[in-house]
Amino acid sequence: MNLSWKDTEEIAWALVDKYPGQDPLKLSFPKLHKMICELEGFTGDANASNEGVLESIQMAWYEEVKK
């Protein structure tokens, strides 16, 4: 599966799988950006993200973790 910045929910699920036990709210945006870019199947342009996109992914990840 190819992931890009618009795949917020799918990225959140992939982060939950790859980093179980990680509290997404304790990550800086640069660290989160690096983790996303290193996901298997992530093909998005590393320079195409912004704070709003990262925050959306972080919140989606948080929602998955707190379930």
PDB file of N, CA and C in Angstrom:
ATOM      1  N   MET A   1       0.844  -1.176   0.000  1.00  0.00           N
ATOM      2  CA  MET A   1       0.000   0.000   0.000  1.00  0.00           C
ATOM      3  C   MET A   1       0.893   1.244   0.000  1.00  0.00           C
ATOM      4  N   ASN A   2       0.572   2.190  -0.854  1.00  0.00           N
ATOM      5  CA  ASN A   2       1.296   3.451  -0.908  1.00  0.00           C
ATOM      6  C   ASN A   2       0.570   4.483  -0.070  1.00  0.00           C
ATOM      7  N   LEU A   3       1.303   5.108   0.846  1.00  0.00           N
ATOM      8  CA  LEU A   3       0.736   6.134   1.711  1.00  0.00           C
ATOM      9  C   LEU A   3       1.296   7.494   1.334  1.00  0.00           C
ATOM     10  N   SER A   4       0.434   8.495   1.387  1.00  0.00           N
ATOM     11  CA  SER A   4       0.882   9.872   1.207  1.00  0.00           C
ATOM     12  C   SER A   4       0.282  10.707   2.335  1.00  0.00           C
ATOM     13  N   TRP A   5       0.610  11.967   2.381  1.00  0.00           N
ATOM     14  CA  TRP A   5       0.191  12.838   3.479  1.00  0.00           C
ATOM     15  C   TRP A   5      -1.319  12.918   3.639  1.00  0.00           C
ATOM     16  N   LYS A   6      -2.071  12.670   2.591  1.00  0.00           N
ATOM     17  CA  LYS A   6      -3.535  12.757   2.684  1.00  0.00           C
ATOM     18  C   LYS A   6      -4.167  11.529   3.345  1.00  0.00           C
ATOM     19  N   ASP A   7      -3.390  10.484   3.545  1.00  0.00           N
ATOM     20  CA  ASP A   7      -3.883   9.232   4.121  1.00  0.00           C
ATOM     21  C   ASP A   7      -3.762   9.231   5.649  1.00  0.00           C
ATOM     22  N   THR A   8      -4.393  10.202   6.271  1.00  0.00           N
ATOM     23  CA  THR A   8      -4.259  10.431   7.706  1.00  0.00           C
ATOM     24  C   THR A   8      -4.575   9.197   8.540  1.00  0.00           C
ATOM     25  N   GLU A   9      -5.730   8.605   8.334  1.00  0.00           N
ATOM     26  CA  GLU A   9      -6.149   7.447   9.135  1.00  0.00           C
ATOM     27  C   GLU A   9      -5.239   6.242   8.906  1.00  0.00           C
ATOM     28  N   GLU A  10      -4.889   5.988   7.664  1.00  0.00           N
ATOM     29  CA  GLU A  10      -4.041   4.849   7.346  1.00  0.00           C
ATOM     30  C   GLU A  10      -2.648   5.015   7.956  1.00  0.00           C
ATOM     31  N   ILE A  11      -2.133   6.236   7.922  1.00  0.00           N
ATOM     32  CA  ILE A  11      -0.836   6.508   8.552  1.00  0.00           C
ATOM     33  C   ILE A  11      -0.942   6.290  10.055  1.00  0.00           C
ATOM     34  N   ALA A  12      -2.025   6.768  10.666  1.00  0.00           N
ATOM     35  CA  ALA A  12      -2.221   6.577  12.109  1.00  0.00           C
ATOM     36  C   ALA A  12      -2.218   5.092  12.457  1.00  0.00           C
ATOM     37  N   TRP A  13      -2.931   4.279  11.687  1.00  0.00           N
ATOM     38  CA  TRP A  13      -2.968   2.836  11.946  1.00  0.00           C
ATOM     39  C   TRP A  13      -1.573   2.227  11.806  1.00  0.00           C
ATOM     40  N   ALA A  14      -0.843   2.651  10.775  1.00  0.00           N
ATOM     41  CA  ALA A  14       0.510   2.122  10.561  1.00  0.00           C
ATOM     42  C   ALA A  14       1.431   2.497  11.727  1.00  0.00           C
ATOM     43  N   LEU A  15       1.267   3.702  12.256  1.00  0.00           N
ATOM     44  CA  LEU A  15       2.079   4.135  13.392  1.00  0.00           C
ATOM     45  C   LEU A  15       1.732   3.342  14.652  1.00  0.00           C
ATOM     46  N   VAL A  16       0.447   3.070  14.856  1.00  0.00           N
ATOM     47  CA  VAL A  16       0.025   2.245  15.998  1.00  0.00           C
ATOM     48  C   VAL A  16       0.684   0.875  15.908  1.00  0.00           C
ATOM     49  N   ASP A  17       0.690   0.287  14.717  1.00  0.00           N
ATOM     50  CA  ASP A  17       1.277  -1.038  14.520  1.00  0.00           C
ATOM     51  C   ASP A  17       2.792  -1.030  14.718  1.00  0.00           C
ATOM     52  N   LYS A  18       3.455  -0.017  14.177  1.00  0.00           N
ATOM     53  CA  LYS A  18       4.920   0.017  14.218  1.00  0.00           C
ATOM     54  C   LYS A  18       5.467   0.466  15.571  1.00  0.00           C
ATOM     55  N   TYR A  19       4.720   1.329  16.266  1.00  0.00           N
ATOM     56  CA  TYR A  19       5.200   1.882  17.530  1.00  0.00           C
ATOM     57  C   TYR A  19       4.179   1.660  18.649  1.00  0.00           C
ATOM     58  N   PRO A  20       3.918   0.397  18.995  1.00  0.00           N
ATOM     59  CA  PRO A  20       2.953   0.139  20.069  1.00  0.00           C
ATOM     60  C   PRO A  20       3.477   0.708  21.387  1.00  0.00           C
ATOM     61  N   GLY A  21       2.579   1.286  22.140  1.00  0.00           N
ATOM     62  CA  GLY A  21       2.966   1.852  23.429  1.00  0.00           C
ATOM     63  C   GLY A  21       3.488   3.270  23.359  1.00  0.00           C
ATOM     64  N   GLN A  22       3.700   3.794  22.161  1.00  0.00           N
ATOM     65  CA  GLN A  22       4.187   5.169  22.011  1.00  0.00           C
ATOM     66  C   GLN A  22       3.037   6.145  22.233  1.00  0.00           C
ATOM     67  N   ASP A  23       3.244   7.134  23.065  1.00  0.00           N
ATOM     68  CA  ASP A  23       2.256   8.198  23.249  1.00  0.00           C
ATOM     69  C   ASP A  23       2.494   9.243  22.166  1.00  0.00           C
ATOM     70  N   PRO A  24       1.582   9.364  21.203  1.00  0.00           N
ATOM     71  CA  PRO A  24       1.810  10.299  20.099  1.00  0.00           C
ATOM     72  C   PRO A  24       1.859  11.763  20.546  1.00  0.00           C
ATOM     73  N   LEU A  25       1.264  12.074  21.690  1.00  0.00           N
ATOM     74  CA  LEU A  25       1.258  13.457  22.162  1.00  0.00           C
ATOM     75  C   LEU A  25       2.598  13.870  22.769  1.00  0.00           C
ATOM     76  N   LYS A  26       3.494  12.923  22.958  1.00  0.00           N
ATOM     77  CA  LYS A  26       4.817  13.221  23.525  1.00  0.00           C
ATOM     78  C   LYS A  26       5.883  13.371  22.441  1.00  0.00           C
ATOM     79  N   LEU A  27       5.457  13.398  21.191  1.00  0.00           N
ATOM     80  CA  LEU A  27       6.396  13.515  20.076  1.00  0.00           C
ATOM     81  C   LEU A  27       6.437  14.943  19.545  1.00  0.00           C
ATOM     82  N   SER A  28       7.621  15.382  19.197  1.00  0.00           N
ATOM     83  CA  SER A  28       7.745  16.656  18.492  1.00  0.00           C
ATOM     84  C   SER A  28       7.329  16.426  17.037  1.00  0.00           C
ATOM     85  N   PHE A  29       6.952  17.491  16.358  1.00  0.00           N
ATOM     86  CA  PHE A  29       6.576  17.346  14.953  1.00  0.00           C
ATOM     87  C   PHE A  29       7.757  16.870  14.094  1.00  0.00           C
ATOM     88  N   PRO A  30       8.984  17.339  14.328  1.00  0.00           N
ATOM     89  CA  PRO A  30      10.097  16.790  13.534  1.00  0.00           C
ATOM     90  C   PRO A  30      10.270  15.275  13.716  1.00  0.00           C
ATOM     91  N   LYS A  31      10.117  14.784  14.939  1.00  0.00           N
ATOM     92  CA  LYS A  31      10.237  13.347  15.199  1.00  0.00           C
ATOM     93  C   LYS A  31       9.089  12.595  14.523  1.00  0.00           C
ATOM     94  N   LEU A  32       7.863  13.120  14.650  1.00  0.00           N
ATOM     95  CA  LEU A  32       6.708  12.496  14.007  1.00  0.00           C
ATOM     96  C   LEU A  32       6.903  12.450  12.494  1.00  0.00           C
ATOM     97  N   HIS A  33       7.375  13.527  11.923  1.00  0.00           N
ATOM     98  CA  HIS A  33       7.635  13.603  10.487  1.00  0.00           C
ATOM     99  C   HIS A  33       8.601  12.502  10.059  1.00  0.00           C
ATOM    100  N   LYS A  34       9.685  12.339  10.810  1.00  0.00           N
ATOM    101  CA  LYS A  34      10.679  11.308  10.515  1.00  0.00           C
ATOM    102  C   LYS A  34      10.058   9.916  10.593  1.00  0.00           C
ATOM    103  N   MET A  35       9.262   9.665  11.634  1.00  0.00           N
ATOM    104  CA  MET A  35       8.628   8.358  11.804  1.00  0.00           C
ATOM    105  C   MET A  35       7.691   8.043  10.641  1.00  0.00           C
ATOM    106  N   ILE A  36       6.948   9.026  10.189  1.00  0.00           N
ATOM    107  CA  ILE A  36       6.019   8.832   9.069  1.00  0.00           C
ATOM    108  C   ILE A  36       6.797   8.542   7.786  1.00  0.00           C
ATOM    109  N   CYS A  37       7.814   9.342   7.528  1.00  0.00           N
ATOM    110  CA  CYS A  37       8.595   9.149   6.303  1.00  0.00           C
ATOM    111  C   CYS A  37       9.280   7.785   6.263  1.00  0.00           C
ATOM    112  N   GLU A  38       9.537   7.190   7.429  1.00  0.00           N
ATOM    113  CA  GLU A  38      10.200   5.888   7.498  1.00  0.00           C
ATOM    114  C   GLU A  38       9.222   4.713   7.455  1.00  0.00           C
ATOM    115  N   LEU A  39       7.921   4.985   7.426  1.00  0.00           N
ATOM    116  CA  LEU A  39       6.937   3.900   7.365  1.00  0.00           C
ATOM    117  C   LEU A  39       7.065   3.136   6.047  1.00  0.00           C
ATOM    118  N   GLU A  40       6.933   1.823   6.137  1.00  0.00           N
ATOM    119  CA  GLU A  40       6.927   1.010   4.931  1.00  0.00           C
ATOM    120  C   GLU A  40       5.717   1.404   4.091  1.00  0.00           C
ATOM    121  N   GLY A  41       5.932   1.674   2.841  1.00  0.00           N
ATOM    122  CA  GLY A  41       4.844   2.043   1.950  1.00  0.00           C
ATOM    123  C   GLY A  41       4.574   3.533   1.872  1.00  0.00           C
ATOM    124  N   PHE A  42       5.294   4.335   2.660  1.00  0.00           N
ATOM    125  CA  PHE A  42       5.088   5.782   2.563  1.00  0.00           C
ATOM    126  C   PHE A  42       5.828   6.303   1.352  1.00  0.00           C
ATOM    127  N   THR A  43       5.085   6.905   0.443  1.00  0.00           N
ATOM    128  CA  THR A  43       5.680   7.403  -0.799  1.00  0.00           C
ATOM    129  C   THR A  43       5.477   8.901  -0.984  1.00  0.00           C
ATOM    130  N   GLY A  44       4.937   9.556   0.038  1.00  0.00           N
ATOM    131  CA  GLY A  44       4.700  10.997  -0.050  1.00  0.00           C
ATOM    132  C   GLY A  44       6.002  11.783  -0.109  1.00  0.00           C
ATOM    133  N   ASP A  45       5.901  12.975  -0.627  1.00  0.00           N
ATOM    134  CA  ASP A  45       7.037  13.892  -0.696  1.00  0.00           C
ATOM    135  C   ASP A  45       7.326  14.403   0.713  1.00  0.00           C
ATOM    136  N   ALA A  46       8.513  14.148   1.220  1.00  0.00           N
ATOM    137  CA  ALA A  46       8.876  14.558   2.580  1.00  0.00           C
ATOM    138  C   ALA A  46       8.731  16.058   2.784  1.00  0.00           C
ATOM    139  N   ASN A  47       8.850  16.827   1.737  1.00  0.00           N
ATOM    140  CA  ASN A  47       8.765  18.283   1.844  1.00  0.00           C
ATOM    141  C   ASN A  47       7.338  18.812   1.699  1.00  0.00           C
ATOM    142  N   ALA A  48       6.378  17.924   1.496  1.00  0.00           N
ATOM    143  CA  ALA A  48       5.002  18.356   1.236  1.00  0.00           C
ATOM    144  C   ALA A  48       4.133  18.403   2.496  1.00  0.00           C
ATOM    145  N   SER A  49       4.710  18.116   3.640  1.00  0.00           N
ATOM    146  CA  SER A  49       3.914  18.153   4.873  1.00  0.00           C
ATOM    147  C   SER A  49       3.984  19.547   5.487  1.00  0.00           C
ATOM    148  N   ASN A  50       3.100  19.778   6.437  1.00  0.00           N
ATOM    149  CA  ASN A  50       3.134  21.019   7.197  1.00  0.00           C
ATOM    150  C   ASN A  50       2.605  20.725   8.598  1.00  0.00           C
ATOM    151  N   GLU A  51       2.611  21.715   9.447  1.00  0.00           N
ATOM    152  CA  GLU A  51       2.199  21.513  10.836  1.00  0.00           C
ATOM    153  C   GLU A  51       0.759  21.017  10.940  1.00  0.00           C
ATOM    154  N   GLY A  52      -0.123  21.514  10.100  1.00  0.00           N
ATOM    155  CA  GLY A  52      -1.522  21.089  10.125  1.00  0.00           C
ATOM    156  C   GLY A  52      -1.684  19.626   9.775  1.00  0.00           C
ATOM    157  N   VAL A  53      -0.962  19.173   8.775  1.00  0.00           N
ATOM    158  CA  VAL A  53      -1.014  17.766   8.359  1.00  0.00           C
ATOM    159  C   VAL A  53      -0.479  16.876   9.478  1.00  0.00           C
ATOM    160  N   LEU A  54       0.647  17.262  10.052  1.00  0.00           N
ATOM    161  CA  LEU A  54       1.238  16.466  11.129  1.00  0.00           C
ATOM    162  C   LEU A  54       0.327  16.432  12.353  1.00  0.00           C
ATOM    163  N   GLU A  55      -0.295  17.544  12.657  1.00  0.00           N
ATOM    164  CA  GLU A  55      -1.214  17.579  13.794  1.00  0.00           C
ATOM    165  C   GLU A  55      -2.420  16.668  13.556  1.00  0.00           C
ATOM    166  N   SER A  56      -2.935  16.653  12.349  1.00  0.00           N
ATOM    167  CA  SER A  56      -4.066  15.778  12.016  1.00  0.00           C
ATOM    168  C   SER A  56      -3.687  14.310  12.181  1.00  0.00           C
ATOM    169  N   ILE A  57      -2.508  13.946  11.728  1.00  0.00           N
ATOM    170  CA  ILE A  57      -2.033  12.575  11.865  1.00  0.00           C
ATOM    171  C   ILE A  57      -1.813  12.245  13.336  1.00  0.00           C
ATOM    172  N   GLN A  58      -1.208  13.164  14.064  1.00  0.00           N
ATOM    173  CA  GLN A  58      -0.968  12.957  15.492  1.00  0.00           C
ATOM    174  C   GLN A  58      -2.283  12.736  16.244  1.00  0.00           C
ATOM    175  N   MET A  59      -3.299  13.514  15.946  1.00  0.00           N
ATOM    176  CA  MET A  59      -4.592  13.383  16.627  1.00  0.00           C
ATOM    177  C   MET A  59      -5.299  12.084  16.233  1.00  0.00           C
ATOM    178  N   ALA A  60      -5.185  11.686  14.967  1.00  0.00           N
ATOM    179  CA  ALA A  60      -5.771  10.412  14.530  1.00  0.00           C
ATOM    180  C   ALA A  60      -5.078   9.260  15.237  1.00  0.00           C
ATOM    181  N   TRP A  61      -3.771   9.329  15.376  1.00  0.00           N
ATOM    182  CA  TRP A  61      -3.003   8.305  16.083  1.00  0.00           C
ATOM    183  C   TRP A  61      -3.437   8.268  17.545  1.00  0.00           C
ATOM    184  N   TYR A  62      -3.553   9.422  18.159  1.00  0.00           N
ATOM    185  CA  TYR A  62      -3.995   9.497  19.556  1.00  0.00           C
ATOM    186  C   TYR A  62      -5.373   8.868  19.739  1.00  0.00           C
ATOM    187  N   GLU A  63      -6.278   9.143  18.829  1.00  0.00           N
ATOM    188  CA  GLU A  63      -7.634   8.566  18.913  1.00  0.00           C
ATOM    189  C   GLU A  63      -7.591   7.046  18.828  1.00  0.00           C
ATOM    190  N   GLU A  64      -6.704   6.504  17.995  1.00  0.00           N
ATOM    191  CA  GLU A  64      -6.570   5.048  17.884  1.00  0.00           C
ATOM    192  C   GLU A  64      -5.991   4.456  19.168  1.00  0.00           C
ATOM    193  N   VAL A  65      -5.013   5.121  19.752  1.00  0.00           N
ATOM    194  CA  VAL A  65      -4.349   4.618  20.954  1.00  0.00           C
ATOM    195  C   VAL A  65      -5.290   4.620  22.150  1.00  0.00           C
ATOM    196  N   LYS A  66      -6.134   5.631  22.261  1.00  0.00           N
ATOM    197  CA  LYS A  66      -6.978   5.738  23.461  1.00  0.00           C
ATOM    198  C   LYS A  66      -8.217   4.843  23.408  1.00  0.00           C
ATOM    199  N   LYS A  67      -8.452   4.160  22.290  1.00  0.00           N
ATOM    200  CA  LYS A  67      -9.610   3.251  22.178  1.00  0.00           C
ATOM    201  C   LYS A  67      -9.473   2.061  23.096  1.00  0.00           C
TER     202      LYS A  67
END
